[in-house]
Protein backbone atom coordinates (compact mmCIF):
# COMPACT_ATOMS: atom_id res chain seq x y z
CA MET A 1 -0.29 0.01 0.21
CA ASN A 2 1.37 3.42 -0.79
CA ILE A 3 2.70 4.98 2.03
CA TYR A 4 1.00 8.47 1.33
CA LEU A 5 -2.51 6.28 1.90
CA LYS A 6 -1.60 5.04 4.80
CA ILE A 7 -0.68 8.23 6.99
CA LEU A 8 -3.75 9.81 4.96
CA ASN A 9 -5.72 6.95 6.62
CA TYR A 10 -4.32 7.20 10.29
CA THR A 11 -4.26 10.42 9.69
CA ILE A 12 -8.40 10.37 9.42
CA ARG A 13 -8.72 8.42 11.92
CA ILE A 14 -6.89 10.10 14.49
CA ILE A 15 -8.87 13.22 13.27
CA ILE A 16 -12.12 11.11 14.69
CA ILE A 17 -10.60 10.33 18.42
CA ILE A 18 -9.74 14.02 18.30
CA LEU A 19 -13.19 15.05 17.55
CA GLY A 20 -14.56 12.72 19.64
CA ILE A 21 -12.58 14.16 22.82
CA MET A 22 -13.92 17.15 21.85
CA LEU A 23 -17.38 16.82 22.03
CA THR A 24 -16.83 15.17 25.57
CA ALA A 25 -15.58 17.49 27.02
CA GLY A 26 -18.04 19.75 26.02
CA TRP A 27 -16.18 22.03 23.44
CA LEU A 28 -17.82 21.78 20.06
CA ALA A 29 -22.01 21.71 22.30
CA PRO A 30 -23.70 24.27 22.76
CA GLN A 31 -23.99 26.10 25.93
CA GLU A 32 -27.58 25.94 26.04
CA GLY A 33 -28.34 22.84 24.86
CA ASP A 34 -28.34 18.94 26.31
CA GLY A 35 -24.55 18.42 27.29
CA THR A 36 -25.02 14.32 27.70
CA MET A 37 -25.55 13.63 24.48
CA PHE A 38 -22.63 15.40 23.14
CA ARG A 39 -20.82 13.39 25.47
CA VAL A 40 -22.27 10.34 24.80
CA MET A 41 -21.67 11.32 20.43
CA GLY A 42 -18.06 11.77 21.91
CA ILE A 43 -17.34 7.71 23.37
CA ILE A 44 -19.33 6.77 20.29
CA PHE A 45 -16.72 8.66 18.20
CA ILE A 46 -13.71 7.54 20.94
CA LEU A 47 -14.76 4.56 20.10
CA PHE A 48 -15.61 4.28 16.34
CA GLY A 49 -11.41 5.80 15.90
CA ILE A 50 -10.03 3.36 18.05
CA TYR A 51 -11.69 0.56 15.70
CA ARG A 52 -11.16 1.44 12.69
CA VAL A 53 -7.00 2.77 13.45
CA VAL A 54 -6.88 -1.45 14.98
CA THR A 55 -8.70 -2.84 12.11
CA PHE A 56 -6.81 -0.74 9.42
CA HIS A 57 -3.55 -1.68 11.05
CA THR A 58 -4.33 -5.49 11.47
CA GLN A 59 -5.58 -5.06 8.01
CA SER A 60 -2.30 -4.03 6.13
CA LYS A 61 -0.13 -6.14 8.17
CA ARG A 62 -2.20 -8.91 6.80
CA TYR A 63 -2.04 -7.77 3.19
CA LYS A 64 1.40 -6.79 3.63
CA ARG A 65 2.17 -10.53 5.12
CA ASP A 66 0.45 -12.45 2.08
CA GLU A 67 2.19 -10.37 -0.23
CA ASP A 68 5.21 -11.30 0.98
């Protein structure tokens, strides 16, 4: 796999995790809204981002091993 695509994939997945952290911390939540929904969304974003990083990493290793 091209190194630039790997960097792009990891970058996007890390941005999802950072967005989840920002939602959980309340930095992106509106002041007058319910913060609970944004915290739950943030936790979901964090878990989804971690899941995507792990699955991409294992698939990359599997692809590299099969290629050799």
